Amino acid sequence: MQFVMAGGGTGGHVIPALAVAGELKRRGHTPVFFGTRTGYEARLVPAAGFAIEFIDIGGLNRVGLAQILRTMWLLPASTLRCWMWMGKHRPGAVFSMGGYVAGPVVIAALLRGIPLVAMEPNAVPGLTNRKAARWTAAALINFEETSRYFPEGRSVLAGVPVRQAFFDRAPARQEAGRPFTVLITGGSQGSRTLNHAGRDSWPLFEKAGVPVSILHQAGRNNVSSLGSAPRFVQLTEFIQDMPSAFAEADLIVSRAGASTVSELAAAGKPAVLVPFPFAADDHQRRNAEAMVRAGAARMVDDKEMNGKRLFDEVWRLMQSPAELGGMAEAARRMAKPGAAARAADVLEKVATKSH
């Protein structure tokens, strides 16, 4: 059976969809992606061995007037392309990760009467999933509170697919003399706020004589702009083996995208979360707030994060091993292993019922 995978633009949309597609493929199905030539999906999907149909579409949320007009101009033609493809191939169901790429695909599926399964990794759904909520056959959610945005009885607490390595890596041993290890990451592109805060915290750690080791993923082309780091800091553009970096860290300082908070839960790691303030619908703040309510993280507003605040947060938690341990346990309780398999189960069930 064929299944349509809709969602692209960012790694946070594409990578979980690839995990679900992989599970569907293992069960003998044929996943087909829809996406744009400019998003992450254009590179990641073919590399993973899946077919992709390209459409032209842009965002509508938190963009300028010119982008809104362009998107509205492209929407009918992109929707028609998806509608014609679905009429020819009659997929069993459409899996939507949300985002602007999913818009035309979701509209076409609803017009064709093809069941829609939405995965909503954030605490607050994005525009596409929110607008299509009433017509979803099932909503795969990551936070219990997200169920209120979908019709009663259609939400499944499935979690976000996370690489198994995050669950499997053993935490670093707490040996005598081992420095307190901090991982700072703003994602593959880096974060200006976290980069500047990290750089400005170095003299404070040196002055205090704190036994700390910092691994900082600064993002592409950002390392040289931060200058010469002291010996206790390792600067890098990109961390290839992020599960191992998580395992080694005693504390993680990061943004609060859905994939990141799911990886924190899988690895059982305490965190200081600094939500990206310009994320659509401010969803990173909602994700961080959910982690804070669970006792798994502390949150610092982007505008308040600087070198001194970073130093203070790390120093405070270094002095509170019991609190750190409690945060780690709370994070682990939020973990949802097997998310890709649960998503595939729902897709198969919905498709079988429809047929």
Protein backbone atom coordinates (compact mmCIF):
# COMPACT_ATOMS: atom_id res chain seq x y z
CA MET A 1 0.00 0.00 0.00
CA GLN A 2 1.17 3.52 -0.73
CA PHE A 3 1.26 6.23 1.93
CA VAL A 4 1.88 9.93 1.34
CA MET A 5 4.36 11.63 3.69
CA ALA A 6 3.79 15.39 3.91
CA GLY A 7 6.07 17.76 5.74
CA GLY A 8 9.34 19.46 4.98
CA GLY A 9 11.34 22.64 5.09
CA THR A 10 13.21 21.85 8.31
CA GLY A 11 14.93 18.83 9.78
CA GLY A 12 12.37 18.82 12.58
CA HIS A 13 9.67 18.05 10.02
CA VAL A 14 11.63 15.70 7.78
CA ILE A 15 13.57 13.45 10.16
CA PRO A 16 10.57 12.12 12.15
CA ALA A 17 8.70 11.52 8.87
CA LEU A 18 11.67 9.53 7.58
CA ALA A 19 11.57 7.36 10.70
CA VAL A 20 7.89 6.58 10.14
CA ALA A 21 8.52 5.98 6.43
CA GLY A 22 11.25 3.51 7.34
CA GLU A 23 8.87 1.59 9.58
CA LEU A 24 6.20 1.52 6.85
CA LYS A 25 8.77 0.25 4.34
CA ARG A 26 9.79 -2.55 6.72
CA ARG A 27 6.14 -3.60 6.79
CA GLY A 28 6.01 -3.86 3.01
CA HIS A 29 4.40 -0.49 2.19
CA THR A 30 5.56 2.24 -0.20
CA PRO A 31 5.95 5.73 1.31
CA VAL A 32 6.05 8.66 -1.13
CA PHE A 33 7.11 12.11 0.07
CA PHE A 34 5.83 15.48 -1.11
CA GLY A 35 8.11 18.46 -0.60
CA THR A 36 9.96 21.39 -2.10
CA ARG A 37 13.32 21.57 -3.85
CA THR A 38 14.62 24.13 -1.35
CA GLY A 39 13.82 22.35 1.93
CA TYR A 40 15.80 19.72 3.82
CA GLU A 41 13.60 17.04 2.28
CA ALA A 42 15.17 17.57 -1.17
CA ARG A 43 18.46 16.17 0.17
CA LEU A 44 17.43 13.89 3.03
CA VAL A 45 14.56 11.98 1.40
CA PRO A 46 16.42 10.71 -1.72
CA ALA A 47 19.46 9.93 0.43
CA ALA A 48 17.24 7.68 2.56
CA GLY A 49 16.04 5.86 -0.57
CA PHE A 50 12.47 7.20 -0.77
CA ALA A 51 10.62 8.73 -3.72
CA ILE A 52 9.69 12.40 -3.57
CA GLU A 53 7.23 14.49 -5.59
CA PHE A 54 8.16 18.17 -5.73
CA ILE A 55 5.70 21.05 -5.35
CA ASP A 56 6.16 24.83 -5.16
CA ILE A 57 4.86 26.38 -1.95
CA GLY A 58 5.95 28.79 0.77
CA GLY A 59 4.96 29.77 4.28
CA LEU A 60 2.01 31.81 5.53
CA ASN A 61 2.77 32.14 9.22
CA ARG A 62 5.05 34.96 10.48
CA VAL A 63 6.16 35.99 6.98
CA GLY A 64 5.97 39.25 5.08
CA LEU A 65 3.20 40.35 2.74
CA ALA A 66 5.22 39.46 -0.36
CA GLN A 67 5.67 35.88 0.85
CA ILE A 68 1.97 35.57 1.73
CA LEU A 69 0.95 36.75 -1.74
CA ARG A 70 3.43 34.37 -3.37
CA THR A 71 2.16 31.43 -1.33
CA MET A 72 -1.47 32.19 -2.14
CA TRP A 73 -0.53 32.34 -5.83
CA LEU A 74 1.24 28.95 -5.68
CA LEU A 75 -1.32 27.17 -3.49
CA PRO A 76 -3.98 26.31 -6.13
CA ALA A 77 -1.51 24.81 -8.63
CA SER A 78 0.32 22.84 -5.93
CA THR A 79 -2.95 21.54 -4.50
CA LEU A 80 -4.11 20.50 -7.99
CA ARG A 81 -0.87 18.61 -8.58
CA CYS A 82 -1.30 16.72 -5.30
CA TRP A 83 -5.01 16.08 -6.04
CA MET A 84 -4.23 14.61 -9.47
CA TRP A 85 -1.46 12.40 -8.09
CA MET A 86 -3.73 11.05 -5.36
CA GLY A 87 -6.50 10.40 -7.87
CA LYS A 88 -4.11 8.26 -9.89
CA HIS A 89 -2.41 6.39 -7.05
CA ARG A 90 -5.12 6.30 -4.33
CA PRO A 91 -2.81 6.14 -1.28
CA GLY A 92 -4.11 4.46 1.85
CA ALA A 93 -3.61 7.56 4.00
CA VAL A 94 -1.71 10.83 4.23
CA PHE A 95 0.77 11.37 7.05
CA SER A 96 1.22 15.07 7.83
CA MET A 97 4.02 16.52 9.94
CA GLY A 98 2.49 19.97 9.47
CA GLY A 99 4.38 22.98 8.21
CA TYR A 100 3.77 24.94 5.03
CA VAL A 101 4.88 22.06 2.78
CA ALA A 102 2.01 19.93 4.09
CA GLY A 103 -0.66 22.54 3.25
CA PRO A 104 -1.43 21.62 -0.39
CA VAL A 105 -1.08 17.90 0.37
CA VAL A 106 -3.55 18.04 3.24
CA ILE A 107 -6.08 20.05 1.21
CA ALA A 108 -5.84 17.58 -1.68
CA ALA A 109 -6.28 14.61 0.66
CA LEU A 110 -9.40 16.11 2.22
CA LEU A 111 -10.87 16.85 -1.22
CA ARG A 112 -10.18 13.26 -2.29
CA GLY A 113 -11.58 11.77 0.90
CA ILE A 114 -8.26 10.16 1.77
CA PRO A 115 -7.82 9.77 5.55
CA LEU A 116 -5.41 12.17 7.22
CA VAL A 117 -3.12 11.26 10.10
CA ALA A 118 -1.37 14.27 11.63
CA MET A 119 1.74 14.10 13.78
CA GLU A 120 2.01 17.15 16.00
CA PRO A 121 5.36 17.15 17.83
CA ASN A 122 4.90 20.55 19.49
CA ALA A 123 2.78 21.46 22.49
CA VAL A 124 0.80 23.87 20.30
CA PRO A 125 -0.03 22.72 16.73
CA GLY A 126 1.27 24.66 13.77
CA LEU A 127 -1.00 26.41 11.31
CA THR A 128 -1.56 23.47 8.92
CA ASN A 129 -2.34 20.87 11.59
CA ARG A 130 -4.48 23.34 13.51
CA LYS A 131 -6.61 24.28 10.50
CA ALA A 132 -7.08 20.63 9.47
CA ALA A 133 -7.67 19.37 13.02
CA ARG A 134 -11.42 18.75 12.71
CA TRP A 135 -10.92 16.51 9.67
CA THR A 136 -8.06 14.38 10.97
CA ALA A 137 -8.73 10.68 11.35
CA ALA A 138 -6.05 10.52 14.06
CA ALA A 139 -3.63 12.94 15.70
CA LEU A 140 -0.29 11.62 16.94
CA ILE A 141 0.78 13.96 19.74
CA ASN A 142 3.86 14.40 21.91
CA PHE A 143 2.30 16.29 24.85
CA GLU A 144 -0.97 15.33 26.54
CA GLU A 145 -2.10 18.95 26.56
CA THR A 146 -2.05 19.03 22.74
CA SER A 147 -5.13 16.76 22.59
CA ARG A 148 -7.41 19.73 23.23
CA TYR A 149 -6.73 21.03 19.72
CA PHE A 150 -8.14 17.89 18.06
CA PRO A 151 -11.58 16.22 18.15
CA GLU A 152 -12.19 14.14 21.26
CA GLY A 153 -11.08 10.54 20.98
CA ARG A 154 -8.81 11.03 17.98
CA SER A 155 -5.53 11.80 19.76
CA VAL A 156 -2.86 9.19 20.37
CA LEU A 157 0.04 9.98 22.72
CA ALA A 158 2.59 8.55 20.31
CA GLY A 159 5.65 10.72 20.88
CA VAL A 160 8.15 11.95 18.30
CA PRO A 161 10.33 9.35 16.53
CA VAL A 162 13.84 9.61 17.98
CA ARG A 163 16.93 7.67 16.97
CA GLN A 164 17.30 4.57 19.14
CA ALA A 165 20.85 5.59 19.97
CA PHE A 166 19.54 8.34 22.26
CA PHE A 167 17.84 5.65 24.36
CA ASP A 168 20.75 3.21 24.19
CA ARG A 169 23.82 5.33 24.99
CA ALA A 170 24.92 4.80 28.59
CA PRO A 171 25.52 8.00 30.60
CA ALA A 172 29.12 8.95 31.32
CA ARG A 173 30.53 7.52 34.54
CA GLN A 174 30.77 9.92 37.45
CA GLU A 175 34.45 9.37 38.18
CA ALA A 176 36.45 11.34 40.73
CA GLY A 177 38.08 14.37 39.16
CA ARG A 178 35.85 14.29 36.08
CA PRO A 179 34.84 17.87 35.15
CA PHE A 180 31.19 18.85 34.99
CA THR A 181 30.34 18.52 31.29
CA VAL A 182 28.04 20.97 29.51
CA LEU A 183 26.75 20.59 25.95
CA ILE A 184 25.60 23.81 24.25
CA THR A 185 23.78 23.48 20.96
CA GLY A 186 21.63 25.76 18.86
CA GLY A 187 21.03 23.10 16.21
CA SER A 188 22.87 22.50 12.95
CA GLN A 189 22.63 26.18 11.99
CA GLY A 190 23.66 27.39 15.43
CA SER A 191 22.13 30.09 17.62
CA ARG A 192 23.51 33.61 17.80
CA THR A 193 22.16 34.01 21.34
CA LEU A 194 23.74 30.79 22.62
CA ASN A 195 26.97 31.43 20.73
CA HIS A 196 27.42 34.86 22.25
CA ALA A 197 26.37 33.70 25.71
CA GLY A 198 28.81 30.81 25.53
CA ARG A 199 31.70 33.03 24.47
CA ASP A 200 30.94 35.64 27.15
CA SER A 201 30.74 32.96 29.86
CA TRP A 202 34.30 31.70 29.31
CA PRO A 203 36.04 34.40 31.41
CA LEU A 204 33.53 33.83 34.23
CA PHE A 205 34.27 30.11 34.37
CA GLU A 206 38.01 30.82 34.24
CA LYS A 207 37.82 33.39 37.03
CA ALA A 208 35.74 31.10 39.24
CA GLY A 209 38.06 28.16 38.63
CA VAL A 210 35.07 25.93 37.98
CA PRO A 211 36.03 22.39 36.91
CA VAL A 212 33.93 22.39 33.76
CA SER A 213 34.19 20.99 30.24
CA ILE A 214 32.08 22.61 27.52
CA LEU A 215 31.26 21.14 24.11
CA HIS A 216 29.67 23.85 21.98
CA GLN A 217 28.05 23.23 18.58
CA ALA A 218 28.17 26.71 17.09
CA GLY A 219 26.74 25.99 13.63
CA ARG A 220 28.02 26.35 10.11
CA ASN A 221 30.64 29.09 9.59
CA ASN A 222 30.27 30.37 13.16
CA VAL A 223 33.32 28.95 14.93
CA SER A 224 35.88 31.45 13.67
CA SER A 225 33.73 34.44 14.70
CA LEU A 226 33.81 33.33 18.35
CA GLY A 227 37.57 33.71 18.63
CA SER A 228 40.08 31.54 20.46
CA ALA A 229 38.42 29.34 23.08
CA PRO A 230 40.08 28.35 26.38
CA ARG A 231 41.25 24.77 26.88
CA PHE A 232 38.09 23.65 28.69
CA VAL A 233 35.92 24.58 25.66
CA GLN A 234 35.62 22.55 22.48
CA LEU A 235 34.06 24.53 19.65
CA THR A 236 32.68 22.73 16.62
CA GLU A 237 30.42 23.55 13.69
CA PHE A 238 28.55 20.26 13.79
CA ILE A 239 28.42 17.22 16.07
CA GLN A 240 28.13 14.08 13.97
CA ASP A 241 27.41 11.72 16.87
CA MET A 242 24.91 13.71 18.88
CA PRO A 243 23.62 10.71 20.93
CA SER A 244 27.13 10.20 22.32
CA ALA A 245 27.46 13.94 23.05
CA PHE A 246 24.17 13.79 24.97
CA ALA A 247 25.37 10.76 26.93
CA GLU A 248 28.60 12.52 27.96
CA ALA A 249 26.85 15.71 29.10
CA ASP A 250 25.79 16.39 32.68
CA LEU A 251 23.71 19.35 31.50
CA ILE A 252 22.47 20.47 28.08
CA VAL A 253 21.81 24.08 27.08
CA SER A 254 19.76 24.31 23.91
CA ARG A 255 16.82 25.64 21.96
CA ALA A 256 13.45 23.93 22.49
CA GLY A 257 12.40 22.46 19.17
CA ALA A 258 10.22 19.36 19.31
CA SER A 259 12.97 17.01 18.17
CA THR A 260 15.40 18.43 20.74
CA VAL A 261 13.06 18.05 23.70
CA SER A 262 12.21 14.51 22.56
CA GLU A 263 15.92 13.67 22.40
CA LEU A 264 16.40 15.13 25.90
CA ALA A 265 13.64 12.86 27.16
CA ALA A 266 15.04 9.79 25.37
CA ALA A 267 18.50 10.40 26.83
CA GLY A 268 17.14 11.40 30.25
CA LYS A 269 19.08 14.65 30.38
CA PRO A 270 18.48 17.81 32.46
CA ALA A 271 18.44 20.97 30.38
CA VAL A 272 18.39 24.73 30.34
CA LEU A 273 16.10 25.62 27.44
CA VAL A 274 16.24 28.93 25.59
CA PRO A 275 13.24 28.99 23.21
CA PHE A 276 13.75 30.62 19.83
CA PRO A 277 11.45 33.67 20.12
CA PHE A 278 10.53 33.82 16.42
CA ALA A 279 9.38 30.21 16.03
CA ALA A 280 5.93 29.89 14.43
CA ASP A 281 3.15 30.28 17.02
CA ASP A 282 5.90 30.58 19.65
CA HIS A 283 5.82 26.78 19.83
CA GLN A 284 9.32 26.47 21.29
CA ARG A 285 8.21 28.37 24.39
CA ARG A 286 5.26 25.98 24.81
CA ASN A 287 7.60 23.00 24.44
CA ALA A 288 9.96 24.42 27.05
CA GLU A 289 7.11 25.21 29.43
CA ALA A 290 5.90 21.61 29.21
CA MET A 291 9.39 20.38 30.14
CA VAL A 292 9.56 22.86 33.02
CA ARG A 293 6.14 21.76 34.35
CA ALA A 294 7.36 18.16 34.29
CA GLY A 295 10.42 19.16 36.32
CA ALA A 296 12.82 18.20 33.53
CA ALA A 297 14.25 21.59 32.60
CA ARG A 298 14.76 25.23 33.43
CA MET A 299 13.79 27.92 30.92
CA VAL A 300 15.52 31.23 30.15
CA ASP A 301 14.05 33.79 27.75
CA ASP A 302 16.18 34.51 24.70
CA LYS A 303 16.48 38.19 25.63
CA GLU A 304 17.74 37.26 29.12
CA MET A 305 20.36 34.74 28.05
CA ASN A 306 23.89 36.15 28.17
CA GLY A 307 27.27 35.07 29.46
CA LYS A 308 26.53 35.79 33.12
CA ARG A 309 23.11 34.11 33.03
CA LEU A 310 24.61 31.04 31.40
CA PHE A 311 27.35 30.89 34.01
CA ASP A 312 24.83 31.36 36.85
CA GLU A 313 22.53 28.59 35.55
CA VAL A 314 25.39 26.10 35.17
CA TRP A 315 26.96 27.05 38.53
CA ARG A 316 23.64 26.72 40.35
CA LEU A 317 22.91 23.27 38.99
CA MET A 318 26.48 22.10 39.57
CA GLN A 319 25.90 22.79 43.26
CA SER A 320 22.64 20.81 43.26
CA PRO A 321 23.31 17.21 42.20
CA ALA A 322 20.02 16.08 43.72
CA GLU A 323 18.10 18.59 41.60
CA LEU A 324 20.02 17.53 38.50
CA GLY A 325 19.18 13.90 39.21
CA GLY A 326 15.51 14.73 39.67
CA MET A 327 15.44 16.65 36.39
CA ALA A 328 17.04 13.71 34.60
CA GLU A 329 14.44 11.30 36.01
CA ALA A 330 11.62 13.67 35.04
CA ALA A 331 12.98 13.92 31.51
CA ARG A 332 13.21 10.14 31.18
CA ARG A 333 9.57 9.79 32.30
CA MET A 334 8.59 11.91 29.30
CA ALA A 335 10.35 9.57 26.86
CA LYS A 336 8.21 7.66 24.38
CA PRO A 337 10.21 4.87 22.72
CA GLY A 338 8.65 3.12 19.75
CA ALA A 339 7.02 6.27 18.36
CA ALA A 340 7.63 5.34 14.71
CA ALA A 341 6.02 1.92 15.20
CA ARG A 342 2.98 3.47 16.90
CA ALA A 343 2.60 5.93 14.02
CA ALA A 344 2.78 3.10 11.49
CA ASP A 345 0.18 1.12 13.46
CA VAL A 346 -2.24 4.05 13.31
CA LEU A 347 -1.62 4.64 9.61
CA GLU A 348 -2.29 0.98 8.79
CA LYS A 349 -5.44 0.94 10.89
CA VAL A 350 -6.81 4.13 9.34
CA ALA A 351 -5.99 2.99 5.80
CA THR A 352 -7.57 -0.45 6.31
CA LYS A 353 -10.71 1.07 7.77
CA SER A 354 -10.99 3.51 4.87
CA HIS A 355 -10.57 0.82 2.22
